Protein backbone atom coordinates (compact mmCIF):
# COMPACT_ATOMS: atom_id res chain seq x y z
CA MET A 1 0.00 0.00 0.00
CA ARG A 2 2.86 2.40 0.84
CA ASP A 3 4.34 1.90 -2.64
CA LEU A 4 0.95 2.49 -4.23
CA ARG A 5 0.50 5.78 -2.30
CA LEU A 6 3.96 6.92 -3.39
CA ALA A 7 3.14 6.09 -7.01
CA VAL A 8 -0.13 8.04 -6.88
CA ARG A 9 1.66 11.08 -5.38
CA ALA A 10 4.31 10.92 -8.10
CA LEU A 11 1.67 10.77 -10.83
CA ARG A 12 -0.23 13.72 -9.35
CA ALA A 13 2.97 15.74 -9.08
CA THR A 14 3.68 15.38 -12.82
CA PRO A 15 0.25 15.21 -14.53
CA ILE A 16 1.53 15.94 -18.06
CA VAL A 17 4.12 13.19 -17.96
CA SER A 18 1.54 10.83 -16.46
CA CYS A 19 -0.98 11.55 -19.23
CA VAL A 20 1.65 11.06 -21.94
CA ALA A 21 2.71 7.74 -20.40
CA ALA A 22 -0.91 6.53 -20.19
CA LEU A 23 -1.64 7.54 -23.79
CA SER A 24 1.56 5.83 -25.02
CA LEU A 25 0.55 2.65 -23.25
CA ALA A 26 -2.95 2.82 -24.72
CA LEU A 27 -1.61 3.42 -28.23
CA GLY A 28 0.86 0.55 -27.84
CA ILE A 29 -1.87 -1.86 -26.83
CA GLY A 30 -4.09 -0.63 -29.67
CA ALA A 31 -1.29 -0.95 -32.23
CA ASN A 32 -0.49 -4.50 -31.14
CA THR A 33 -4.16 -5.42 -31.47
CA ALA A 34 -4.35 -3.87 -34.94
CA ILE A 35 -1.18 -5.64 -36.09
CA PHE A 36 -2.45 -8.99 -34.86
CA SER A 37 -5.77 -8.40 -36.65
CA LEU A 38 -3.89 -7.61 -39.86
CA VAL A 39 -1.65 -10.67 -39.58
CA ASN A 40 -4.66 -12.82 -38.75
CA SER A 41 -6.56 -11.62 -41.83
CA LEU A 42 -3.59 -11.79 -44.23
CA LEU A 43 -1.66 -14.83 -43.07
CA LEU A 44 -3.75 -17.07 -40.85
CA ARG A 45 -7.07 -17.20 -42.65
CA THR A 46 -7.39 -20.10 -45.12
CA LEU A 47 -8.28 -19.54 -48.74
CA PRO A 48 -11.99 -19.84 -49.62
CA VAL A 49 -11.49 -22.94 -51.76
CA ALA A 50 -12.06 -26.68 -51.45
CA GLU A 51 -9.49 -28.43 -49.21
CA PRO A 52 -6.90 -25.62 -49.21
CA HIS A 53 -4.41 -27.84 -47.35
CA ARG A 54 -3.94 -29.82 -50.58
CA LEU A 55 -2.86 -26.76 -52.56
CA VAL A 56 0.81 -25.86 -52.97
CA THR A 57 2.62 -23.16 -54.91
CA ILE A 58 5.90 -23.98 -56.61
CA ALA A 59 8.94 -21.86 -57.36
CA SER A 60 12.00 -22.36 -59.53
CA ASP A 61 15.58 -21.73 -58.48
CA ARG A 62 15.58 -18.84 -60.94
CA ALA A 63 12.52 -17.33 -59.30
CA VAL A 64 14.02 -17.62 -55.83
CA GLY A 65 17.27 -16.09 -57.04
CA MET A 66 15.41 -13.15 -58.56
CA GLY A 67 13.55 -12.52 -55.31
CA PHE A 68 10.08 -13.56 -56.50
CA LYS A 69 7.59 -14.56 -53.85
CA ALA A 70 6.44 -18.17 -53.62
CA GLY A 71 4.72 -19.38 -56.77
CA LEU A 72 5.74 -16.47 -59.01
CA GLY A 73 8.46 -16.60 -61.63
CA TRP A 74 7.19 -18.70 -64.55
CA ASN A 75 6.79 -17.69 -68.17
CA TYR A 76 4.01 -19.04 -70.35
CA GLY A 77 6.21 -21.61 -72.10
CA MET A 78 7.23 -23.12 -68.75
CA TRP A 79 3.61 -23.31 -67.65
CA ASP A 80 2.49 -24.89 -70.93
CA ARG A 81 5.05 -27.67 -70.63
CA LEU A 82 4.22 -28.28 -66.97
CA ARG A 83 0.49 -28.34 -67.75
CA GLN A 84 1.01 -31.12 -70.27
CA ARG A 85 2.84 -33.21 -67.66
CA ALA A 86 0.64 -32.58 -64.61
CA GLN A 87 -0.82 -36.10 -64.42
CA PRO A 88 1.04 -36.94 -61.15
CA PHE A 89 -1.03 -34.27 -59.37
CA GLY A 90 -4.69 -33.67 -58.68
CA GLY A 91 -4.70 -30.51 -60.77
CA ALA A 92 -2.57 -27.58 -61.90
CA ALA A 93 -3.39 -23.91 -62.34
CA ALA A 94 -1.60 -20.73 -63.37
CA TRP A 95 -2.61 -17.12 -62.97
CA SER A 96 -1.43 -13.53 -62.97
CA ALA A 97 -2.98 -10.41 -61.46
CA GLN A 98 -3.57 -7.54 -63.90
CA ARG A 99 -5.54 -4.30 -64.15
CA PHE A 100 -8.29 -3.86 -66.73
CA ASN A 101 -10.36 -0.93 -67.96
CA LEU A 102 -14.07 -1.63 -68.40
CA ALA A 103 -15.00 1.74 -69.94
CA LYS A 104 -16.24 1.81 -73.53
CA GLY A 105 -14.94 5.35 -73.84
CA GLY A 106 -14.37 8.52 -71.89
CA GLU A 107 -13.37 8.24 -68.24
CA SER A 108 -11.63 4.96 -67.44
CA GLN A 109 -13.17 2.35 -65.14
CA PRO A 110 -10.18 0.45 -63.71
CA VAL A 111 -10.76 -2.90 -62.02
CA ASP A 112 -8.59 -5.65 -60.58
CA GLY A 113 -8.38 -8.63 -62.87
CA LEU A 114 -6.85 -12.06 -63.32
CA VAL A 115 -5.67 -13.97 -66.35
CA VAL A 116 -5.95 -17.65 -65.52
CA SER A 117 -5.51 -21.09 -67.01
CA GLY A 118 -8.53 -23.04 -68.16
CA ASP A 119 -8.45 -25.39 -65.16
CA PHE A 120 -7.97 -22.59 -62.62
CA PHE A 121 -11.40 -22.79 -60.97
CA ALA A 122 -11.59 -26.58 -61.25
CA THR A 123 -8.20 -26.97 -59.56
CA LEU A 124 -9.26 -24.66 -56.74
CA GLY A 125 -12.60 -26.43 -56.38
CA VAL A 126 -14.60 -23.21 -56.84
CA PRO A 127 -17.92 -23.70 -58.65
CA ALA A 128 -19.87 -20.90 -60.30
CA LEU A 129 -22.67 -19.25 -58.38
CA LEU A 130 -24.31 -18.49 -61.71
CA GLY A 131 -23.44 -19.81 -65.15
CA ARG A 132 -20.15 -21.70 -65.42
CA THR A 133 -16.43 -21.25 -64.94
CA PHE A 134 -13.68 -21.77 -67.52
CA THR A 135 -12.66 -25.04 -69.10
CA ALA A 136 -9.55 -25.92 -71.07
CA ALA A 137 -11.58 -25.28 -74.25
CA ASP A 138 -11.89 -21.59 -73.31
CA ASP A 139 -8.15 -21.20 -72.78
CA VAL A 140 -7.04 -21.00 -76.39
CA ARG A 141 -5.79 -18.16 -78.54
CA GLY A 142 -8.64 -16.11 -79.92
CA GLY A 143 -11.16 -17.77 -77.64
CA GLY A 144 -12.89 -21.14 -77.53
CA PRO A 145 -16.31 -22.28 -78.81
CA ASP A 146 -18.00 -19.29 -77.13
CA GLY A 147 -15.36 -16.82 -78.26
CA PRO A 148 -13.51 -14.60 -75.76
CA VAL A 149 -15.17 -15.13 -72.37
CA ALA A 150 -14.94 -13.80 -68.81
CA VAL A 151 -15.94 -14.80 -65.29
CA VAL A 152 -16.84 -11.94 -62.96
CA SER A 153 -16.75 -11.72 -59.18
CA TYR A 154 -19.87 -11.56 -57.04
CA GLY A 155 -18.97 -7.99 -56.06
CA LEU A 156 -18.74 -6.73 -59.66
CA TRP A 157 -21.89 -8.63 -60.55
CA GLN A 158 -23.76 -6.77 -57.83
CA ARG A 159 -22.25 -3.35 -58.55
CA ARG A 160 -22.43 -3.38 -62.33
CA PHE A 161 -25.34 -5.69 -63.09
CA GLY A 162 -27.46 -5.40 -59.95
CA GLY A 163 -27.27 -9.16 -59.41
CA SER A 164 -29.34 -9.85 -62.53
CA ALA A 165 -29.29 -13.34 -64.01
CA THR A 166 -29.46 -11.77 -67.48
CA SER A 167 -25.81 -10.77 -67.11
CA ILE A 168 -24.86 -14.30 -68.19
CA GLY A 169 -24.34 -14.16 -71.93
CA SER A 170 -24.05 -10.38 -71.97
CA SER A 171 -21.04 -8.52 -73.34
CA LEU A 172 -18.43 -6.72 -71.26
CA ASP A 173 -15.71 -4.50 -72.71
CA VAL A 174 -12.28 -5.27 -71.24
CA ASP A 175 -9.64 -2.80 -72.42
CA GLY A 176 -11.88 -2.10 -75.38
CA VAL A 177 -12.32 -5.75 -76.34
CA PRO A 178 -15.83 -7.27 -75.98
CA VAL A 179 -15.94 -10.53 -74.06
CA THR A 180 -18.93 -12.68 -73.08
CA ILE A 181 -19.72 -13.17 -69.40
CA ILE A 182 -20.21 -16.89 -68.76
CA GLY A 183 -20.19 -17.06 -64.97
CA VAL A 184 -20.24 -15.40 -61.56
CA THR A 185 -18.13 -16.64 -58.65
CA PRO A 186 -19.56 -17.21 -55.14
CA PRO A 187 -19.53 -14.22 -52.74
CA GLU A 188 -16.99 -15.85 -50.42
CA PHE A 189 -14.42 -16.33 -53.20
CA TYR A 190 -12.19 -13.27 -53.53
CA GLY A 191 -9.26 -14.91 -55.33
CA VAL A 192 -6.11 -16.73 -54.30
CA GLU A 193 -4.26 -13.89 -52.58
CA VAL A 194 -5.59 -13.00 -49.15
CA GLY A 195 -6.18 -9.27 -48.97
CA ARG A 196 -6.39 -8.83 -52.75
CA ALA A 197 -9.74 -9.34 -54.47
CA PHE A 198 -10.47 -9.57 -58.19
CA ASP A 199 -13.32 -8.28 -60.35
CA VAL A 200 -12.84 -9.95 -63.73
CA ALA A 201 -11.04 -13.15 -64.76
CA LEU A 202 -10.02 -13.92 -68.34
CA PRO A 203 -8.47 -17.08 -69.82
CA LEU A 204 -4.73 -16.84 -70.45
CA GLY A 205 -5.25 -17.68 -74.10
CA ILE A 206 -7.12 -14.47 -74.88
CA GLU A 207 -4.58 -12.16 -73.24
CA PRO A 208 -3.12 -11.24 -76.68
CA LEU A 209 -6.57 -10.03 -77.77
CA VAL A 210 -6.71 -7.67 -74.81
CA ARG A 211 -3.04 -6.67 -74.48
CA GLY A 212 -1.97 -6.85 -78.12
CA ARG A 213 1.80 -6.76 -78.55
CA LYS A 214 2.20 -6.25 -74.79
CA ALA A 215 0.75 -9.69 -74.03
CA SER A 216 2.93 -11.42 -71.45
CA ILE A 217 2.33 -14.91 -72.81
CA ASP A 218 4.28 -13.97 -75.95
CA GLN A 219 7.32 -12.69 -74.04
CA PRO A 220 9.70 -15.49 -72.92
CA ARG A 221 11.41 -13.11 -70.50
CA SER A 222 8.15 -12.25 -68.76
CA PHE A 223 8.09 -14.43 -65.65
CA PHE A 224 4.63 -13.23 -64.69
CA LEU A 225 2.81 -16.38 -63.70
CA PHE A 226 2.04 -17.99 -60.38
CA ILE A 227 1.67 -21.77 -60.50
CA MET A 228 -0.31 -23.82 -58.01
CA LEU A 229 -0.74 -27.57 -57.81
CA ARG A 230 -3.39 -29.61 -56.06
CA LEU A 231 -1.97 -32.69 -54.40
CA LYS A 232 -3.84 -35.94 -54.82
CA PRO A 233 -5.55 -37.31 -51.69
CA GLY A 234 -2.84 -38.72 -49.45
CA GLN A 235 -0.02 -37.50 -51.70
CA PRO A 236 2.85 -36.33 -49.46
CA LEU A 237 4.72 -33.15 -50.26
CA ASP A 238 8.07 -34.87 -50.72
CA ALA A 239 6.55 -37.25 -53.30
CA ALA A 240 5.11 -34.29 -55.21
CA ALA A 241 8.50 -32.56 -55.13
CA ALA A 242 10.16 -35.74 -56.43
CA ALA A 243 7.65 -35.89 -59.29
CA LEU A 244 8.49 -32.31 -60.23
CA ARG A 245 12.21 -33.01 -60.19
CA ALA A 246 11.70 -36.04 -62.40
CA MET A 247 9.97 -33.95 -65.08
CA GLN A 248 12.32 -30.97 -64.72
CA PRO A 249 14.75 -32.01 -67.50
């Protein structure tokens, strides 16, 4: 009790210092709480996909040496060869984040977009809320049987189309190129990077239509792709790594 009385007297004798100390302590506690909340939302929350524990990203020695984060550092030719040899796994997908403009003219309407492989949604185990997602037939140069197509997020579907079912089959201009909307993703699916949502997804094969000569898939030195594999049920990580090394030559 004597120590407590002395502490109270000291605090009363220097009120400004006492207030500053109390505010610093409060800010410190608040900052720690905010940082934990950020880490929890960005690092600890699982992806909104089927069985996320079976998904792995892969990186090459070149990618690691160039400082790319896990999964990034593949050009289109590398992905195409890996895709053709992905039988040892439960699925394979590639993607890259890009920005698109949805305006037909005048003021731009920038959105966050993805260019993805045909099996992207199937590998993740994400079904369409409305319509359908991509297939390998959509991921070809110039577009598949339905021409250039797009899958939009639930958020864009609500904002731009008011949640109308008639949006399926309608046209959407992406960087001035009309594409047909074939599907809408579920509201809980924001993409594959926690903290970064997407609005529009396009098949990799139609990137040259949208980007023209700047298309990354035509530039061997553009290591723009992330690659993700789905392990087969019960497939251990070391066995998957061994399978990759076997096909590496």
